[in-house]
């Protein structure tokens, strides 16, 4: 359980499996074909990208909206608390985190609610690193992570009282099958709360700039097929869920300061936020890239370091641009419920 970055050239594997593309010319047929390899793509992506995510986001790989003067750290916690409240997570419950990353949200929600959280990730390093962090936080008896695929969850039927996912299920190879898997492991009456990436009704597929931004978000975030909120709801209902709540938190009254402001240098209320905002900007990226480019010439850095810099920066800048245009939300909230078991007549 080392939790260390894998030494192989995961970036080359990711680029090979993703293939070449002209961003403004990607079709839904291209996306459907690429999505068949989503599990493999995401396993490779997070092998090379996780260190960069942690340097930019800490242990919580998700965006959040803000109140005026609210720090990034506080806003992220509020975002997770709201998800837990809407999913009706309570003390003592067994809860599934679908796509747990390195476990930041799982630990936050476990502390906030008193529930026992089990996380699942396609990535071995995430599982190892998360469990090390759980132990360091004295939460190893309350939070645990295991390896698994969204479309083949390694749990018994009706094992969990509730489930949630933060910006993860958009990466599923088959959304309906992924939701069916969660449906299977939930107890009757259990809720699934999801905060996820969607393209909004403002997206115009005839607009080349919109198409370009969408494709860059997909590639930079390893989301082979970025879809609409309506498609998510349809998949949830097809899987057997009943919709409880459908809300875009990017435009919610609770978040008057847009989520993308921090990426654009427009929301940085604390010194730490100022530092993070600068490090996520294009000037810092150019400087850091130049340093690692020089290091790579002398084989002083990981073989995938340059690819990681390019892909993660593309994710940050294209997400920011999608937010500016209003065509992309990384925090559409879906709350769905598995029907209660019918009483015998």
C-alpha atoms as a PDB file:
ATOM      1  CA  UNK A   1       0.000   0.000   0.000  1.00  0.00           C
ATOM      2  CA  UNK A   2       2.572   2.557  -1.109  1.00  0.00           C
ATOM      3  CA  UNK A   3       0.240   5.186  -2.581  1.00  0.00           C
ATOM      4  CA  UNK A   4       3.139   6.273  -4.780  1.00  0.00           C
ATOM      5  CA  UNK A   5       2.827   7.530  -8.349  1.00  0.00           C
ATOM      6  CA  UNK A   6       3.253   4.659 -10.809  1.00  0.00           C
ATOM      7  CA  UNK A   7       6.561   4.705 -12.667  1.00  0.00           C
ATOM      8  CA  UNK A   8       5.318   3.570 -16.081  1.00  0.00           C
ATOM      9  CA  UNK A   9       4.480   6.053 -18.856  1.00  0.00           C
ATOM     10  CA  UNK A  10       0.779   6.351 -18.068  1.00  0.00           C
ATOM     11  CA  UNK A  11       0.530   9.577 -20.101  1.00  0.00           C
ATOM     12  CA  UNK A  12       1.595   7.806 -23.289  1.00  0.00           C
ATOM     13  CA  UNK A  13      -0.987   5.090 -22.596  1.00  0.00           C
ATOM     14  CA  UNK A  14      -3.721   7.697 -22.094  1.00  0.00           C
ATOM     15  CA  UNK A  15      -2.901   9.583 -25.294  1.00  0.00           C
ATOM     16  CA  UNK A  16      -2.692   6.364 -27.286  1.00  0.00           C
ATOM     17  CA  UNK A  17      -6.077   5.153 -26.039  1.00  0.00           C
ATOM     18  CA  UNK A  18      -7.719   8.564 -26.460  1.00  0.00           C
ATOM     19  CA  UNK A  19      -6.392   9.041 -29.984  1.00  0.00           C
ATOM     20  CA  UNK A  20      -6.012  12.114 -32.163  1.00  0.00           C
ATOM     21  CA  UNK A  21      -8.809  14.626 -32.646  1.00  0.00           C
ATOM     22  CA  UNK A  22      -9.659  18.068 -33.988  1.00  0.00           C
ATOM     23  CA  UNK A  23     -11.502  19.604 -31.037  1.00  0.00           C
ATOM     24  CA  UNK A  24     -14.177  21.455 -33.003  1.00  0.00           C
ATOM     25  CA  UNK A  25     -14.948  18.396 -35.134  1.00  0.00           C
ATOM     26  CA  UNK A  26     -15.595  15.687 -32.526  1.00  0.00           C
ATOM     27  CA  UNK A  27     -18.956  13.953 -33.032  1.00  0.00           C
ATOM     28  CA  UNK A  28     -21.193  12.058 -30.635  1.00  0.00           C
ATOM     29  CA  UNK A  29     -20.304   8.908 -32.544  1.00  0.00           C
ATOM     30  CA  UNK A  30     -16.630   9.570 -31.736  1.00  0.00           C
ATOM     31  CA  UNK A  31     -17.570  10.069 -28.092  1.00  0.00           C
ATOM     32  CA  UNK A  32     -19.592   6.857 -27.911  1.00  0.00           C
ATOM     33  CA  UNK A  33     -16.708   4.851 -29.361  1.00  0.00           C
ATOM     34  CA  UNK A  34     -14.160   6.404 -27.004  1.00  0.00           C
ATOM     35  CA  UNK A  35     -16.445   5.921 -24.015  1.00  0.00           C
ATOM     36  CA  UNK A  36     -16.119   2.155 -24.414  1.00  0.00           C
ATOM     37  CA  UNK A  37     -12.568   2.548 -23.049  1.00  0.00           C
ATOM     38  CA  UNK A  38     -13.496   4.956 -20.261  1.00  0.00           C
ATOM     39  CA  UNK A  39     -12.344   2.692 -17.422  1.00  0.00           C
ATOM     40  CA  UNK A  40      -8.906   2.153 -18.952  1.00  0.00           C
ATOM     41  CA  UNK A  41      -8.588   5.842 -19.855  1.00  0.00           C
ATOM     42  CA  UNK A  42      -9.426   6.976 -16.340  1.00  0.00           C
ATOM     43  CA  UNK A  43      -7.127   4.452 -14.705  1.00  0.00           C
ATOM     44  CA  UNK A  44      -4.206   5.771 -16.788  1.00  0.00           C
ATOM     45  CA  UNK A  45      -5.283   9.417 -16.423  1.00  0.00           C
ATOM     46  CA  UNK A  46      -5.298   9.345 -12.636  1.00  0.00           C
ATOM     47  CA  UNK A  47      -1.997   7.490 -12.541  1.00  0.00           C
ATOM     48  CA  UNK A  48      -0.328  10.582 -14.042  1.00  0.00           C
ATOM     49  CA  UNK A  49      -2.720  13.384 -13.042  1.00  0.00           C
ATOM     50  CA  UNK A  50      -3.345  12.760  -9.339  1.00  0.00           C
ATOM     51  CA  UNK A  51      -0.226  14.536  -8.068  1.00  0.00           C
ATOM     52  CA  UNK A  52      -1.204  17.630 -10.077  1.00  0.00           C
ATOM     53  CA  UNK A  53      -4.782  17.496  -8.834  1.00  0.00           C
ATOM     54  CA  UNK A  54      -3.600  17.315  -5.247  1.00  0.00           C
ATOM     55  CA  UNK A  55      -1.231  20.241  -5.748  1.00  0.00           C
ATOM     56  CA  UNK A  56      -4.109  22.317  -7.138  1.00  0.00           C
ATOM     57  CA  UNK A  57      -7.179  21.046  -5.287  1.00  0.00           C
ATOM     58  CA  UNK A  58      -5.815  19.245  -2.267  1.00  0.00           C
ATOM     59  CA  UNK A  59      -7.606  15.960  -1.541  1.00  0.00           C
ATOM     60  CA  UNK A  60     -10.999  17.049  -2.889  1.00  0.00           C
ATOM     61  CA  UNK A  61     -11.180  16.790  -6.664  1.00  0.00           C
ATOM     62  CA  UNK A  62     -14.242  18.946  -7.266  1.00  0.00           C
ATOM     63  CA  UNK A  63     -15.326  22.509  -7.953  1.00  0.00           C
ATOM     64  CA  UNK A  64     -17.682  24.587  -5.794  1.00  0.00           C
ATOM     65  CA  UNK A  65     -19.536  27.887  -5.840  1.00  0.00           C
ATOM     66  CA  UNK A  66     -18.889  30.609  -3.265  1.00  0.00           C
ATOM     67  CA  UNK A  67     -20.398  33.106  -0.904  1.00  0.00           C
ATOM     68  CA  UNK A  68     -18.697  36.538  -0.934  1.00  0.00           C
ATOM     69  CA  UNK A  69     -15.497  36.317   1.104  1.00  0.00           C
ATOM     70  CA  UNK A  70     -15.774  32.533   1.454  1.00  0.00           C
ATOM     71  CA  UNK A  71     -12.521  30.588   1.184  1.00  0.00           C
ATOM     72  CA  UNK A  72     -12.023  27.695  -1.212  1.00  0.00           C
ATOM     73  CA  UNK A  73     -11.688  25.234   1.697  1.00  0.00           C
ATOM     74  CA  UNK A  74     -14.868  26.405   3.416  1.00  0.00           C
ATOM     75  CA  UNK A  75     -16.832  26.418   0.157  1.00  0.00           C
ATOM     76  CA  UNK A  76     -15.743  22.876  -0.699  1.00  0.00           C
ATOM     77  CA  UNK A  77     -16.889  21.625   2.700  1.00  0.00           C
ATOM     78  CA  UNK A  78     -20.229  23.444   2.384  1.00  0.00           C
ATOM     79  CA  UNK A  79     -20.679  21.858  -1.058  1.00  0.00           C
ATOM     80  CA  UNK A  80     -20.146  18.383   0.403  1.00  0.00           C
ATOM     81  CA  UNK A  81     -22.344  19.032   3.435  1.00  0.00           C
ATOM     82  CA  UNK A  82     -25.222  20.070   1.192  1.00  0.00           C
ATOM     83  CA  UNK A  83     -24.829  16.881  -0.842  1.00  0.00           C
ATOM     84  CA  UNK A  84     -24.881  14.810   2.355  1.00  0.00           C
ATOM     85  CA  UNK A  85     -28.000  16.617   3.616  1.00  0.00           C
ATOM     86  CA  UNK A  86     -29.898  16.184   0.359  1.00  0.00           C
ATOM     87  CA  UNK A  87     -28.917  12.506   0.246  1.00  0.00           C
ATOM     88  CA  UNK A  88     -30.232  12.189   3.839  1.00  0.00           C
ATOM     89  CA  UNK A  89     -27.041  10.636   5.199  1.00  0.00           C
ATOM     90  CA  UNK A  90     -27.275  10.097   8.951  1.00  0.00           C
ATOM     91  CA  UNK A  91     -25.136   8.673  11.763  1.00  0.00           C
ATOM     92  CA  UNK A  92     -24.524   4.944  11.600  1.00  0.00           C
ATOM     93  CA  UNK A  93     -25.504   4.569   7.955  1.00  0.00           C
ATOM     94  CA  UNK A  94     -23.398   2.538   5.542  1.00  0.00           C
ATOM     95  CA  UNK A  95     -22.729   4.869   2.611  1.00  0.00           C
ATOM     96  CA  UNK A  96     -21.057   4.315  -0.775  1.00  0.00           C
ATOM     97  CA  UNK A  97     -18.817   6.938  -2.395  1.00  0.00           C
ATOM     98  CA  UNK A  98     -18.859   6.152  -6.123  1.00  0.00           C
ATOM     99  CA  UNK A  99     -15.553   7.339  -7.597  1.00  0.00           C
ATOM    100  CA  UNK A 100     -13.846   8.339  -4.352  1.00  0.00           C
ATOM    101  CA  UNK A 101     -10.581   9.832  -5.635  1.00  0.00           C
ATOM    102  CA  UNK A 102      -8.130  10.118  -2.738  1.00  0.00           C
ATOM    103  CA  UNK A 103     -11.003  10.302  -0.272  1.00  0.00           C
ATOM    104  CA  UNK A 104     -11.278  13.973   0.678  1.00  0.00           C
ATOM    105  CA  UNK A 105     -15.092  14.158   0.372  1.00  0.00           C
ATOM    106  CA  UNK A 106     -15.508  10.733   2.019  1.00  0.00           C
ATOM    107  CA  UNK A 107     -13.593  11.818   5.111  1.00  0.00           C
ATOM    108  CA  UNK A 108     -15.452  15.151   5.236  1.00  0.00           C
ATOM    109  CA  UNK A 109     -18.867  13.490   4.952  1.00  0.00           C
ATOM    110  CA  UNK A 110     -17.966  10.785   7.479  1.00  0.00           C
ATOM    111  CA  UNK A 111     -16.957  13.429  10.026  1.00  0.00           C
ATOM    112  CA  UNK A 112     -19.962  15.651   9.244  1.00  0.00           C
ATOM    113  CA  UNK A 113     -22.615  12.912   9.377  1.00  0.00           C
ATOM    114  CA  UNK A 114     -21.205  10.135  11.544  1.00  0.00           C
ATOM    115  CA  UNK A 115     -21.827   7.619   8.756  1.00  0.00           C
ATOM    116  CA  UNK A 116     -19.502   4.798   7.701  1.00  0.00           C
ATOM    117  CA  UNK A 117     -18.272   5.510   4.161  1.00  0.00           C
ATOM    118  CA  UNK A 118     -16.900   2.982   1.687  1.00  0.00           C
ATOM    119  CA  UNK A 119     -15.310   4.443  -1.427  1.00  0.00           C
ATOM    120  CA  UNK A 120     -14.703   2.734  -4.754  1.00  0.00           C
ATOM    121  CA  UNK A 121     -12.180   3.770  -7.415  1.00  0.00           C
ATOM    122  CA  UNK A 122     -10.864   2.263 -10.652  1.00  0.00           C
ATOM    123  CA  UNK A 123      -7.379   3.432  -9.697  1.00  0.00           C
ATOM    124  CA  UNK A 124      -5.115   1.355  -7.416  1.00  0.00           C
ATOM    125  CA  UNK A 125      -3.078   4.373  -6.342  1.00  0.00           C
ATOM    126  CA  UNK A 126      -6.224   6.211  -5.234  1.00  0.00           C
ATOM    127  CA  UNK A 127      -7.268   3.275  -3.088  1.00  0.00           C
ATOM    128  CA  UNK A 128      -3.815   2.945  -1.501  1.00  0.00           C
ATOM    129  CA  UNK A 129      -3.367   6.664  -0.930  1.00  0.00           C
ATOM    130  CA  UNK A 130      -6.900   7.131   0.420  1.00  0.00           C
ATOM    131  CA  UNK A 131      -6.537   4.366   2.980  1.00  0.00           C
ATOM    132  CA  UNK A 132      -3.220   5.829   4.144  1.00  0.00           C
ATOM    133  CA  UNK A 133      -4.911   9.217   4.599  1.00  0.00           C
ATOM    134  CA  UNK A 134      -7.839   7.564   6.406  1.00  0.00           C
ATOM    135  CA  UNK A 135      -5.411   6.052   8.903  1.00  0.00           C
ATOM    136  CA  UNK A 136      -3.565   9.357   9.357  1.00  0.00           C
ATOM    137  CA  UNK A 137      -6.912  11.042  10.107  1.00  0.00           C
ATOM    138  CA  UNK A 138      -7.790   8.312  12.632  1.00  0.00           C
ATOM    139  CA  UNK A 139     -10.759   7.362  10.462  1.00  0.00           C
ATOM    140  CA  UNK A 140      -9.709   3.888   9.312  1.00  0.00           C
ATOM    141  CA  UNK A 141     -12.620   2.363  11.289  1.00  0.00           C
ATOM    142  CA  UNK A 142     -15.109   4.705   9.580  1.00  0.00           C
ATOM    143  CA  UNK A 143     -13.795   5.246   6.029  1.00  0.00           C
ATOM    144  CA  UNK A 144     -12.344   2.616   3.718  1.00  0.00           C
ATOM    145  CA  UNK A 145     -11.643   2.409  -0.018  1.00  0.00           C
ATOM    146  CA  UNK A 146     -11.646  -0.551  -2.396  1.00  0.00           C
ATOM    147  CA  UNK A 147     -10.913  -0.978  -6.074  1.00  0.00           C
ATOM    148  CA  UNK A 148     -13.831  -1.445  -8.438  1.00  0.00           C
ATOM    149  CA  UNK A 149     -15.492  -0.498 -11.700  1.00  0.00           C
ATOM    150  CA  UNK A 150     -18.676   1.576 -11.835  1.00  0.00           C
ATOM    151  CA  UNK A 151     -20.245  -1.066 -14.066  1.00  0.00           C
ATOM    152  CA  UNK A 152     -19.333  -3.988 -11.783  1.00  0.00           C
ATOM    153  CA  UNK A 153     -19.460  -2.771  -8.189  1.00  0.00           C
ATOM    154  CA  UNK A 154     -17.831  -5.337  -5.860  1.00  0.00           C
ATOM    155  CA  UNK A 155     -20.571  -5.316  -3.225  1.00  0.00           C
ATOM    156  CA  UNK A 156     -23.522  -7.479  -2.221  1.00  0.00           C
ATOM    157  CA  UNK A 157     -27.097  -6.512  -3.032  1.00  0.00           C
ATOM    158  CA  UNK A 158     -28.676  -3.936  -0.710  1.00  0.00           C
ATOM    159  CA  UNK A 159     -25.400  -3.352   1.189  1.00  0.00           C
ATOM    160  CA  UNK A 160     -25.746   0.444   1.594  1.00  0.00           C
ATOM    161  CA  UNK A 161     -28.278   2.854   3.057  1.00  0.00           C
ATOM    162  CA  UNK A 162     -27.219   5.685   0.726  1.00  0.00           C
ATOM    163  CA  UNK A 163     -24.701   6.537  -2.002  1.00  0.00           C
ATOM    164  CA  UNK A 164     -23.197   9.658  -3.500  1.00  0.00           C
ATOM    165  CA  UNK A 165     -20.756  10.722  -6.218  1.00  0.00           C
ATOM    166  CA  UNK A 166     -18.841  13.964  -6.767  1.00  0.00           C
ATOM    167  CA  UNK A 167     -17.871  14.683 -10.377  1.00  0.00           C
ATOM    168  CA  UNK A 168     -17.248  10.998 -11.103  1.00  0.00           C
ATOM    169  CA  UNK A 169     -20.163   9.177 -12.727  1.00  0.00           C
ATOM    170  CA  UNK A 170     -19.793  11.342 -15.842  1.00  0.00           C
ATOM    171  CA  UNK A 171     -16.812   9.045 -16.555  1.00  0.00           C
ATOM    172  CA  UNK A 172     -18.864   5.830 -16.573  1.00  0.00           C
ATOM    173  CA  UNK A 173     -18.592   3.622 -19.658  1.00  0.00           C
ATOM    174  CA  UNK A 174     -22.364   3.117 -19.596  1.00  0.00           C
ATOM    175  CA  UNK A 175     -24.408   5.493 -17.441  1.00  0.00           C
ATOM    176  CA  UNK A 176     -27.481   3.270 -17.268  1.00  0.00           C
ATOM    177  CA  UNK A 177     -25.446   0.230 -16.216  1.00  0.00           C
ATOM    178  CA  UNK A 178     -23.538   2.312 -13.657  1.00  0.00           C
ATOM    179  CA  UNK A 179     -26.779   3.588 -12.150  1.00  0.00           C
ATOM    180  CA  UNK A 180     -28.207   0.063 -12.172  1.00  0.00           C
ATOM    181  CA  UNK A 181     -25.167  -1.054 -10.216  1.00  0.00           C
ATOM    182  CA  UNK A 182     -25.738   1.584  -7.553  1.00  0.00           C
ATOM    183  CA  UNK A 183     -29.450   0.731  -7.537  1.00  0.00           C
ATOM    184  CA  UNK A 184     -28.573  -2.921  -6.861  1.00  0.00           C
ATOM    185  CA  UNK A 185     -26.351  -2.198  -3.843  1.00  0.00           C
ATOM    186  CA  UNK A 186     -28.758   0.307  -2.253  1.00  0.00           C
ATOM    187  CA  UNK A 187     -31.356  -0.759   0.259  1.00  0.00           C
ATOM    188  CA  UNK A 188     -34.983   0.031  -0.673  1.00  0.00           C
ATOM    189  CA  UNK A 189     -35.673   3.681   0.068  1.00  0.00           C
ATOM    190  CA  UNK A 190     -31.977   4.564  -0.188  1.00  0.00           C
ATOM    191  CA  UNK A 191     -30.941   7.760  -1.944  1.00  0.00           C
ATOM    192  CA  UNK A 192     -28.232   8.439  -4.504  1.00  0.00           C
ATOM    193  CA  UNK A 193     -26.904  12.017  -4.536  1.00  0.00           C
ATOM    194  CA  UNK A 194     -24.782  13.127  -7.484  1.00  0.00           C
ATOM    195  CA  UNK A 195     -22.885  16.330  -8.240  1.00  0.00           C
ATOM    196  CA  UNK A 196     -21.663  16.000 -11.794  1.00  0.00           C
ATOM    197  CA  UNK A 197     -20.408  17.564 -15.006  1.00  0.00           C
ATOM    198  CA  UNK A 198     -22.989  18.459 -17.672  1.00  0.00           C
ATOM    199  CA  UNK A 199     -23.328  20.635 -20.728  1.00  0.00           C
ATOM    200  CA  UNK A 200     -26.089  23.174 -20.128  1.00  0.00           C
ATOM    201  CA  UNK A 201     -29.040  24.244 -22.327  1.00  0.00           C
ATOM    202  CA  UNK A 202     -26.912  27.218 -23.473  1.00  0.00           C
ATOM    203  CA  UNK A 203     -24.584  24.868 -25.351  1.00  0.00           C
ATOM    204  CA  UNK A 204     -24.960  25.216 -29.128  1.00  0.00           C
ATOM    205  CA  UNK A 205     -23.513  22.328 -31.101  1.00  0.00           C
ATOM    206  CA  UNK A 206     -23.448  24.523 -34.218  1.00  0.00           C
ATOM    207  CA  UNK A 207     -21.101  26.979 -32.484  1.00  0.00           C
ATOM    208  CA  UNK A 208     -17.481  25.961 -33.227  1.00  0.00           C
ATOM    209  CA  UNK A 209     -16.203  27.617 -30.047  1.00  0.00           C
ATOM    210  CA  UNK A 210     -18.727  25.724 -27.925  1.00  0.00           C
ATOM    211  CA  UNK A 211     -17.734  22.471 -29.615  1.00  0.00           C
ATOM    212  CA  UNK A 212     -14.051  23.218 -29.057  1.00  0.00           C
ATOM    213  CA  UNK A 213     -14.522  24.018 -25.357  1.00  0.00           C
ATOM    214  CA  UNK A 214     -16.622  20.896 -24.805  1.00  0.00           C
ATOM    215  CA  UNK A 215     -14.048  18.643 -26.449  1.00  0.00           C
ATOM    216  CA  UNK A 216     -11.193  20.194 -24.483  1.00  0.00           C
ATOM    217  CA  UNK A 217     -13.096  19.686 -21.220  1.00  0.00           C
ATOM    218  CA  UNK A 218     -13.693  16.060 -22.150  1.00  0.00           C
ATOM    219  CA  UNK A 219     -10.072  15.392 -23.015  1.00  0.00           C
ATOM    220  CA  UNK A 220      -8.553  17.409 -20.169  1.00  0.00           C
ATOM    221  CA  UNK A 221     -10.832  15.778 -17.583  1.00  0.00           C
ATOM    222  CA  UNK A 222     -10.880  12.255 -19.065  1.00  0.00           C
ATOM    223  CA  UNK A 223     -14.651  12.409 -19.590  1.00  0.00           C
ATOM    224  CA  UNK A 224     -15.139  10.722 -22.974  1.00  0.00           C
ATOM    225  CA  UNK A 225     -18.806  11.708 -23.387  1.00  0.00           C
ATOM    226  CA  UNK A 226     -19.958  14.867 -21.600  1.00  0.00           C
ATOM    227  CA  UNK A 227     -23.763  14.880 -21.705  1.00  0.00           C
ATOM    228  CA  UNK A 228     -26.769  16.916 -20.594  1.00  0.00           C
ATOM    229  CA  UNK A 229     -28.678  16.857 -17.315  1.00  0.00           C
ATOM    230  CA  UNK A 230     -31.668  15.415 -19.170  1.00  0.00           C
ATOM    231  CA  UNK A 231     -29.610  12.434 -20.301  1.00  0.00           C
ATOM    232  CA  UNK A 232     -28.483  11.803 -16.721  1.00  0.00           C
ATOM    233  CA  UNK A 233     -32.088  11.906 -15.477  1.00  0.00           C
ATOM    234  CA  UNK A 234     -33.233   9.572 -18.232  1.00  0.00           C
ATOM    235  CA  UNK A 235     -30.472   7.097 -17.340  1.00  0.00           C
ATOM    236  CA  UNK A 236     -31.352   7.267 -13.627  1.00  0.00           C
ATOM    237  CA  UNK A 237     -35.015   6.578 -14.321  1.00  0.00           C
ATOM    238  CA  UNK A 238     -34.158   3.765 -16.732  1.00  0.00           C
ATOM    239  CA  UNK A 239     -32.077   2.199 -13.965  1.00  0.00           C
ATOM    240  CA  UNK A 240     -35.165   2.171 -11.716  1.00  0.00           C
ATOM    241  CA  UNK A 241     -34.659   5.312  -9.631  1.00  0.00           C
ATOM    242  CA  UNK A 242     -37.300   7.906  -8.831  1.00  0.00           C
ATOM    243  CA  UNK A 243     -36.104  11.510  -9.131  1.00  0.00           C
ATOM    244  CA  UNK A 244     -36.250  13.568  -5.930  1.00  0.00           C
ATOM    245  CA  UNK A 245     -34.260  16.685  -6.834  1.00  0.00           C
ATOM    246  CA  UNK A 246     -32.689  18.151  -9.967  1.00  0.00           C
ATOM    247  CA  UNK A 247     -30.767  21.427  -9.509  1.00  0.00           C
ATOM    248  CA  UNK A 248     -27.780  23.137 -11.088  1.00  0.00           C
ATOM    249  CA  UNK A 249     -25.739  24.301  -8.105  1.00  0.00           C
ATOM    250  CA  UNK A 250     -23.638  26.460 -10.431  1.00  0.00           C
ATOM    251  CA  UNK A 251     -26.497  28.948 -10.624  1.00  0.00           C
ATOM    252  CA  UNK A 252     -28.055  28.326  -7.211  1.00  0.00           C
ATOM    253  CA  UNK A 253     -28.870  31.286  -4.960  1.00  0.00           C
ATOM    254  CA  UNK A 254     -26.552  29.771  -2.331  1.00  0.00           C
ATOM    255  CA  UNK A 255     -23.573  30.316  -4.653  1.00  0.00           C
ATOM    256  CA  UNK A 256     -23.707  33.964  -5.819  1.00  0.00           C
ATOM    257  CA  UNK A 257     -19.981  33.939  -6.669  1.00  0.00           C
ATOM    258  CA  UNK A 258     -19.548  31.621  -9.690  1.00  0.00           C
ATOM    259  CA  UNK A 259     -17.412  28.514  -9.305  1.00  0.00           C
ATOM    260  CA  UNK A 260     -15.100  29.516 -12.172  1.00  0.00           C
ATOM    261  CA  UNK A 261     -14.149  32.875 -10.632  1.00  0.00           C
ATOM    262  CA  UNK A 262     -11.372  31.185  -8.642  1.00  0.00           C
ATOM    263  CA  UNK A 263      -9.904  29.851 -11.894  1.00  0.00           C
ATOM    264  CA  UNK A 264     -10.032  33.323 -13.423  1.00  0.00           C
ATOM    265  CA  UNK A 265      -8.346  35.184 -10.552  1.00  0.00           C
ATOM    266  CA  UNK A 266     -11.609  36.861  -9.554  1.00  0.00           C
ATOM    267  CA  UNK A 267     -12.263  35.172  -6.203  1.00  0.00           C
ATOM    268  CA  UNK A 268      -9.309  34.918  -3.819  1.00  0.00           C
ATOM    269  CA  UNK A 269     -10.364  36.133  -0.352  1.00  0.00           C
ATOM    270  CA  UNK A 270      -7.472  34.578   1.604  1.00  0.00           C
ATOM    271  CA  UNK A 271      -3.714  34.482   1.063  1.00  0.00           C
ATOM    272  CA  UNK A 272      -3.927  30.759   0.391  1.00  0.00           C
ATOM    273  CA  UNK A 273      -6.696  31.347  -2.154  1.00  0.00           C
ATOM    274  CA  UNK A 274      -4.570  33.997  -3.864  1.00  0.00           C
ATOM    275  CA  UNK A 275      -1.719  31.516  -4.116  1.00  0.00           C
ATOM    276  CA  UNK A 276      -3.959  28.734  -5.466  1.00  0.00           C
ATOM    277  CA  UNK A 277      -5.622  31.065  -7.944  1.00  0.00           C
ATOM    278  CA  UNK A 278      -2.216  32.162  -9.241  1.00  0.00           C
ATOM    279  CA  UNK A 279      -0.950  28.575  -9.512  1.00  0.00           C
ATOM    280  CA  UNK A 280      -4.028  27.621 -11.548  1.00  0.00           C
ATOM    281  CA  UNK A 281      -3.528  30.544 -13.940  1.00  0.00           C
ATOM    282  CA  UNK A 282      -1.894  30.531 -17.338  1.00  0.00           C
ATOM    283  CA  UNK A 283       1.186  32.570 -16.311  1.00  0.00           C
ATOM    284  CA  UNK A 284       2.112  30.084 -13.598  1.00  0.00           C
ATOM    285  CA  UNK A 285       1.462  27.187 -15.968  1.00  0.00           C
ATOM    286  CA  UNK A 286       3.897  28.568 -18.544  1.00  0.00           C
ATOM    287  CA  UNK A 287       6.603  28.977 -15.891  1.00  0.00           C
ATOM    288  CA  UNK A 288       6.086  25.530 -14.385  1.00  0.00           C
ATOM    289  CA  UNK A 289       5.956  23.935 -17.817  1.00  0.00           C
ATOM    290  CA  UNK A 290       9.271  25.527 -18.793  1.00  0.00           C
ATOM    291  CA  UNK A 291      10.918  24.192 -15.633  1.00  0.00           C
ATOM    292  CA  UNK A 292       9.647  20.647 -16.112  1.00  0.00           C
ATOM    293  CA  UNK A 293      10.477  20.749 -19.812  1.00  0.00           C
ATOM    294  CA  UNK A 294      14.106  21.448 -18.912  1.00  0.00           C
ATOM    295  CA  UNK A 295      14.049  18.696 -16.276  1.00  0.00           C
ATOM    296  CA  UNK A 296      12.635  16.212 -18.764  1.00  0.00           C
ATOM    297  CA  UNK A 297      15.573  16.796 -21.111  1.00  0.00           C
ATOM    298  CA  UNK A 298      17.845  15.397 -18.395  1.00  0.00           C
ATOM    299  CA  UNK A 299      15.421  12.622 -17.369  1.00  0.00           C
ATOM    300  CA  UNK A 300      14.968  14.232 -13.967  1.00  0.00           C
ATOM    301  CA  UNK A 301      11.199  13.896 -13.874  1.00  0.00           C
ATOM    302  CA  UNK A 302       8.477  11.295 -14.381  1.00  0.00           C
ATOM    303  CA  UNK A 303       8.013  10.307 -18.071  1.00  0.00           C
ATOM    304  CA  UNK A 304       4.388  11.465 -17.944  1.00  0.00           C
ATOM    305  CA  UNK A 305       5.022  14.784 -16.192  1.00  0.00           C
ATOM    306  CA  UNK A 306       4.748  16.919 -19.335  1.00  0.00           C
ATOM    307  CA  UNK A 307       1.595  15.138 -20.470  1.00  0.00           C
ATOM    308  CA  UNK A 308       0.117  15.597 -16.993  1.00  0.00           C
ATOM    309  CA  UNK A 309       0.837  19.330 -17.097  1.00  0.00           C
ATOM    310  CA  UNK A 310      -0.695  19.708 -20.544  1.00  0.00           C
ATOM    311  CA  UNK A 311      -3.824  17.638 -19.883  1.00  0.00           C
ATOM    312  CA  UNK A 312      -4.604  19.022 -16.424  1.00  0.00           C
ATOM    313  CA  UNK A 313      -4.019  22.637 -17.524  1.00  0.00           C
ATOM    314  CA  UNK A 314      -6.272  22.039 -20.519  1.00  0.00           C
ATOM    315  CA  UNK A 315      -8.923  20.763 -18.119  1.00  0.00           C
ATOM    316  CA  UNK A 316      -8.642  23.846 -15.882  1.00  0.00           C
ATOM    317  CA  UNK A 317      -8.640  26.431 -18.681  1.00  0.00           C
ATOM    318  CA  UNK A 318     -11.417  24.809 -20.726  1.00  0.00           C
ATOM    319  CA  UNK A 319     -13.628  24.326 -17.663  1.00  0.00           C
ATOM    320  CA  UNK A 320     -13.090  28.004 -16.856  1.00  0.00           C
ATOM    321  CA  UNK A 321     -14.030  28.976 -20.421  1.00  0.00           C
ATOM    322  CA  UNK A 322     -17.089  26.713 -20.330  1.00  0.00           C
ATOM    323  CA  UNK A 323     -18.170  28.429 -17.125  1.00  0.00           C
ATOM    324  CA  UNK A 324     -17.689  31.878 -18.651  1.00  0.00           C
ATOM    325  CA  UNK A 325     -19.802  30.906 -21.643  1.00  0.00           C
ATOM    326  CA  UNK A 326     -22.423  29.317 -19.387  1.00  0.00           C
ATOM    327  CA  UNK A 327     -22.316  26.098 -21.415  1.00  0.00           C
ATOM    328  CA  UNK A 328     -20.769  23.864 -18.758  1.00  0.00           C
ATOM    329  CA  UNK A 329     -21.572  23.086 -15.145  1.00  0.00           C
ATOM    330  CA  UNK A 330     -19.411  20.814 -12.984  1.00  0.00           C
ATOM    331  CA  UNK A 331     -21.983  20.667 -10.197  1.00  0.00           C
ATOM    332  CA  UNK A 332     -25.418  19.704 -11.422  1.00  0.00           C
ATOM    333  CA  UNK A 333     -27.141  18.032  -8.489  1.00  0.00           C
ATOM    334  CA  UNK A 334     -29.270  14.942  -8.968  1.00  0.00           C
ATOM    335  CA  UNK A 335     -30.932  13.206  -6.032  1.00  0.00           C
ATOM    336  CA  UNK A 336     -32.721   9.957  -6.820  1.00  0.00           C
ATOM    337  CA  UNK A 337     -34.281   7.305  -4.637  1.00  0.00           C
ATOM    338  CA  UNK A 338     -34.651   3.566  -4.882  1.00  0.00           C
ATOM    339  CA  UNK A 339     -38.362   2.826  -4.335  1.00  0.00           C
ATOM    340  CA  UNK A 340     -39.385   1.332  -1.027  1.00  0.00           C
ATOM    341  CA  UNK A 341     -40.191  -2.354  -1.158  1.00  0.00           C
ATOM    342  CA  UNK A 342     -43.929  -2.800  -1.620  1.00  0.00           C
ATOM    343  CA  UNK A 343     -45.718  -4.329   1.358  1.00  0.00           C
ATOM    344  CA  UNK A 344     -47.432  -7.638   0.690  1.00  0.00           C
ATOM    345  CA  UNK A 345     -51.175  -7.343   0.415  1.00  0.00           C
END
